[in-house]
Amino acid sequence: MLQGRLFDDEVVGPAPLPDRIRTLAARLPARVRLGTSSWSFPGWRGIVYDRPVSEALLAREGLAAYARHPLLRTVSLDRTYYAPLGADAFAGYAAQVPDGFRFLVKAASQCTSPREATFLDASFAAEQVVKPCTEGLRERGGPLVFQFPPLPESLLKHPERFAERLHGFLDALPRGPLIAVEVRDRRLLGRAYAEALAAAGAWPCLSLHPRLPALAEQRALTGAGLQGPLVVRWMLHPGRAYDEARAAYAPFDRLQEEDPAARESVADLAAAHLARGHEVYVTINNKAEGSAPLSVVRLAERLVARLAA
């Protein structure tokens, strides 16, 4: 059941969808939650939304319509990376989505940027990030992702020391949410990193990003295995810089540079985790292929075919 808003009051509603999309969603297991990085893109008119509205209006009013798309079962809350949110703000988001919807939340960069005084400060993270997120989202909370930006050489040249600090940080966080960690430096991936996550009960967030190796290698290096949930963020097309991709793909209303190899790798991993009864979370950025919701459709098609085979 939906809580909060009444849809007849909406200034933007869901786009009419062809029957094939609804059929596809019905064939996709409930444990698969696909979604996008944020939802406030006017170019998604006719794909997700039923009318042209501004980015600002979508940021305020678009989530309820987004969550009615049957394939969009999660979304990455990216604004939380720039500043922590309070429990009331999270509760406001939770009230706009159906029961089965789950949010992937990016933890505030104050926790993961070495430029911040609160870098790897577990007390700050527990009080300002974990607590309001869990209290506000409640059962609609999915992975809480601590994404580390590219780190300076002083941290990279001693991966074991970084792993030790990371373990201390993660181990001190409150238990409850699914904690996932994403790094952007291949040099950090390895046995010490994998052991730090496992010992703290955290999971790797695998990322399709030009700075990182292929998903299969990431899984091997992080020791992820198939013993738990899969968390993947498909971020950027190979060979593209972020700003370059944004300029080339805007307004994100069509697929422009498809990446079938990446899609296949995500589908293979997802199918393997599903076969063992685990949940799958995949969020996709517009900069991956040109239009994140259309990438979701293609991935869902591939995954359903993979499961049928």
Foldseek 3Di string as FASTA:
>chain_A
DAADDDVVPAPKAFADDDPVQVVLLVLFDLLEAEAAAADQFQLCDNPQIPDGDHSVCCNVGVLLSNQVRSLHQEYEPPVQQADFDALQVLLVSLNSHDPSHAYAYEHHCLCAEPVHPNDLPLVCCQVRPVVSNCNNNPSRYAEYEHEHEADDPVCLVCLLVVLVSLLVSLLSHDDDYAYEYHYLAQSNFADSNLVSQVVSVHAYAAEQDQSYDAPVVSCVRNVRPLPEEHHYEYEAAHPDDPVRLCVVQPSLNDFDADDVVNLVSLLVSCLSNVVVPYHYYYYYYCRHGRHRSVSSVVSSVVNSVVNVD
